[in-house]
Protein backbone atom coordinates (compact mmCIF):
# COMPACT_ATOMS: atom_id res chain seq x y z
CA MET A 1 -57.14 103.90 50.66
CA LYS A 2 -57.80 107.51 51.64
CA LYS A 3 -58.09 109.99 48.79
CA ALA A 4 -55.92 113.10 48.96
CA PRO A 5 -57.95 116.32 49.09
CA VAL A 6 -58.53 118.20 45.86
CA PHE A 7 -58.27 121.94 46.31
CA ILE A 8 -58.76 124.94 44.08
CA TYR A 9 -58.42 128.64 44.78
CA ASP A 10 -60.03 130.87 42.15
CA GLU A 11 -58.51 134.31 42.52
CA MET A 12 -61.05 135.94 40.20
CA THR A 13 -64.04 134.91 42.37
CA ASP A 14 -62.00 134.70 45.61
CA ARG A 15 -63.27 131.19 46.37
CA LEU A 16 -61.45 128.31 47.99
CA PHE A 17 -62.84 124.82 47.33
CA ILE A 18 -61.64 121.65 49.05
CA SER A 19 -63.00 118.18 48.24
CA THR A 20 -62.36 114.60 49.35
CA LYS A 21 -65.40 113.16 47.57
CA LYS A 22 -64.82 109.66 46.29
CA GLU A 23 -66.53 108.19 43.25
CA ARG A 24 -68.65 105.90 45.41
CA ASP A 25 -69.86 108.74 47.71
CA LYS A 26 -73.53 109.62 47.34
CA MET A 27 -74.34 113.27 47.92
CA TYR A 28 -77.15 114.03 50.36
CA GLY A 29 -77.26 117.81 50.47
CA SER A 30 -75.60 121.10 51.26
CA VAL A 31 -75.67 123.65 54.05
CA ARG A 32 -74.75 127.29 53.55
CA VAL A 33 -73.59 129.27 56.57
CA LEU A 34 -72.64 132.88 55.82
CA ASN A 35 -69.77 132.60 53.28
CA LEU A 36 -69.28 128.84 53.74
CA THR A 37 -70.95 125.94 51.92
CA LEU A 38 -70.66 122.36 53.21
CA ASP A 39 -71.68 119.32 51.11
CA PHE A 40 -72.68 116.11 52.92
CA THR A 41 -72.90 112.48 51.87
CA THR A 42 -75.70 110.05 52.71
CA ASP A 43 -73.53 108.73 55.57
CA ASP A 44 -73.27 112.26 57.08
CA ARG A 45 -69.70 113.06 56.09
CA ILE A 46 -68.55 116.45 54.88
CA VAL A 47 -66.86 115.84 51.53
CA ASN A 48 -66.80 119.31 49.95
CA ILE A 49 -66.34 122.75 51.42
CA GLU A 50 -66.32 126.12 49.70
CA LEU A 51 -65.22 129.38 51.31
CA ARG A 52 -66.35 132.48 49.44
CA GLU A 53 -64.46 135.77 49.93
CA ALA A 54 -61.54 133.67 51.16
CA SER A 55 -58.87 136.40 51.01
CA GLU A 56 -61.11 138.84 52.90
CA TYR A 57 -61.71 136.21 55.58
CA LEU A 58 -57.98 135.59 56.01
CA GLU A 59 -57.28 139.34 56.17
CA SER A 60 -59.96 139.72 58.87
CA LEU A 61 -57.93 137.25 60.98
CA GLY A 62 -54.65 139.07 60.35
CA ILE A 63 -53.37 136.37 57.98
CA ASN A 64 -51.66 137.24 54.71
CA PRO A 65 -54.06 136.06 51.96
CA ASN A 66 -51.21 135.53 49.47
CA ILE A 67 -50.96 131.96 50.76
CA LEU A 68 -54.09 131.24 48.69
CA LYS A 69 -52.28 132.00 45.43
CA ASN A 70 -49.43 129.57 46.20
CA LEU A 71 -51.25 126.58 47.73
CA THR A 72 -49.50 123.21 47.56
CA ASP A 73 -51.96 121.45 49.90
CA ALA A 74 -55.25 122.19 51.64
CA LYS A 75 -57.58 120.23 53.89
CA ILE A 76 -60.14 120.77 56.63
CA VAL A 77 -60.71 119.35 60.08
CA VAL A 78 -64.15 119.61 61.73
CA GLN A 79 -64.46 119.40 65.53
CA GLN A 80 -67.45 119.68 67.83
CA HIS A 81 -66.81 122.63 70.13
CA ARG A 82 -69.12 123.90 72.89
CA ASP A 83 -72.36 125.03 71.24
CA GLY A 84 -71.29 124.43 67.66
CA TYR A 85 -68.45 123.32 65.45
CA LEU A 86 -64.97 124.57 64.77
CA ILE A 87 -63.66 124.08 61.25
CA TYR A 88 -59.96 124.41 60.61
CA PHE A 89 -58.70 125.09 57.11
CA ILE A 90 -55.15 123.74 56.98
CA LEU A 91 -53.44 125.64 54.15
CA LYS A 92 -49.92 124.89 52.97
CA ALA A 93 -47.80 126.87 50.52
CA GLY A 94 -44.36 125.27 50.34
CA LYS A 95 -43.06 125.20 53.92
CA HIS A 96 -45.54 127.85 55.09
CA ILE A 97 -48.58 126.40 56.89
CA GLU A 98 -51.58 128.31 58.22
CA ARG A 99 -54.34 126.88 60.41
CA ILE A 100 -57.43 128.99 59.77
CA PRO A 101 -60.34 128.67 62.23
CA TYR A 102 -64.01 129.01 61.25
CA ASN A 103 -66.60 128.78 64.04
CA ILE A 104 -70.21 127.69 63.42
CA ILE A 105 -72.71 128.05 66.26
CA THR A 106 -75.63 125.65 65.99
CA GLU A 107 -78.35 124.15 68.12
CA LYS A 108 -78.65 121.06 65.93
CA LYS A 109 -75.87 118.52 65.56
CA ILE A 110 -74.18 118.34 62.18
CA PRO A 111 -71.75 115.54 61.32
CA ALA A 112 -68.21 116.11 62.60
CA THR A 113 -65.54 114.67 60.36
CA SER A 114 -62.19 115.35 58.79
CA VAL A 115 -61.87 116.12 55.13
C-alpha cells in the first residue's frame, strides 16, 4: 500500500515540506542544493523534500504563491533530464493545480524516484 504524501507549508518561515517516508524506511542522508533539501533512504529513494523561500521561488516563475496557503495536496516527481534532474512539485489547492519545475544540474547520478 502506497502512503499518501504528507505536506506542510509554514508561512512564517516560507518553507514547503513534502514527505512520503514510511515507518520502515531507513534514512541514509540528505543533500542540500541551493534552497532545496532532499532526504534519501538506504535504498536510494527520495522520501522528504523541503523547499525554503517557497513563495519567492513561485513568484520568480510567475506563479501566484497564494496556492501555498490553500494546499489540499502536494507531491513531487523526480526525472532524469539531460545533465541533471528535473523535480516537479505538483501543488493542488481545491481544483487549482500547479506543476512547479526545479532543475538540478549534476555530474553524479542521484536516485530518480517519485514521492
